[in-house]
Amino acid sequence: RWLISTEFNPTKSFKLDNKCIYLIGLSIRSRLCNAICSQGRILKRFFESVENDLL
């Protein structure tokens, strides 16, 4: 399951706005997280991309 920062508001166009997303028991590497946050990727695409990378 995914954990989203409590400061992240999912009503804001589902964009990350410099907030980072973590897996339970596994934090995404800072560089990857920062890059994706700065690009404001859509959450669903982020989930799919990271999930594929972790498999």
Protein backbone atom coordinates (compact mmCIF):
# COMPACT_ATOMS: atom_id res chain seq x y z
CA ARG A 1 0.00 0.00 0.00
CA TRP A 2 0.97 3.59 -0.56
CA LEU A 3 1.36 6.23 2.11
CA ILE A 4 0.96 9.85 1.12
CA SER A 5 2.27 12.74 3.22
CA THR A 6 -0.48 14.12 5.44
CA GLU A 7 0.42 17.56 4.09
CA PHE A 8 -0.41 16.45 0.56
CA ASN A 9 -3.91 17.49 -0.52
CA PRO A 10 -5.27 15.03 -3.13
CA THR A 11 -7.84 17.59 -4.29
CA LYS A 12 -5.09 19.75 -5.82
CA SER A 13 -5.21 18.25 -9.30
CA PHE A 14 -3.52 15.09 -7.99
CA LYS A 15 -0.14 16.78 -8.33
CA LEU A 16 2.70 16.36 -5.90
CA ASP A 17 3.73 19.96 -5.21
CA ASN A 18 7.11 18.92 -3.77
CA LYS A 19 5.57 16.32 -1.46
CA CYS A 20 7.14 12.89 -1.51
CA ILE A 21 5.40 9.53 -1.53
CA TYR A 22 6.59 6.50 0.42
CA LEU A 23 5.91 2.80 0.34
CA ILE A 24 5.18 1.15 3.67
CA GLY A 25 8.56 -0.02 4.92
CA LEU A 26 10.39 1.45 1.92
CA SER A 27 11.14 5.08 1.21
CA ILE A 28 11.70 6.15 -2.37
CA ARG A 29 15.23 7.42 -2.96
CA SER A 30 15.40 11.19 -2.44
CA ARG A 31 16.67 11.98 -5.92
CA LEU A 32 13.90 10.02 -7.65
CA CYS A 33 11.28 11.42 -5.30
CA ASN A 34 12.46 15.02 -5.75
CA ALA A 35 12.59 14.66 -9.53
CA ILE A 36 9.04 13.34 -9.70
CA CYS A 37 7.74 15.88 -7.18
CA SER A 38 9.25 18.75 -9.13
CA GLN A 39 7.66 17.55 -12.34
CA GLY A 40 4.21 17.32 -10.75
CA ARG A 41 3.48 13.92 -12.25
CA ILE A 42 -0.02 12.54 -12.02
CA LEU A 43 -0.20 10.18 -9.04
CA LYS A 44 -1.44 7.18 -11.01
CA ARG A 45 1.47 7.42 -13.42
CA PHE A 46 3.89 7.83 -10.52
CA PHE A 47 2.50 4.74 -8.82
CA GLU A 48 2.74 2.65 -11.99
CA SER A 49 6.27 3.85 -12.77
CA VAL A 50 7.65 3.26 -9.28
CA GLU A 51 5.88 -0.07 -8.90
CA ASN A 52 7.46 -1.26 -12.15
CA ASP A 53 10.89 -0.06 -11.01
CA LEU A 54 10.57 -1.93 -7.72
CA LEU A 55 9.51 -5.24 -9.25
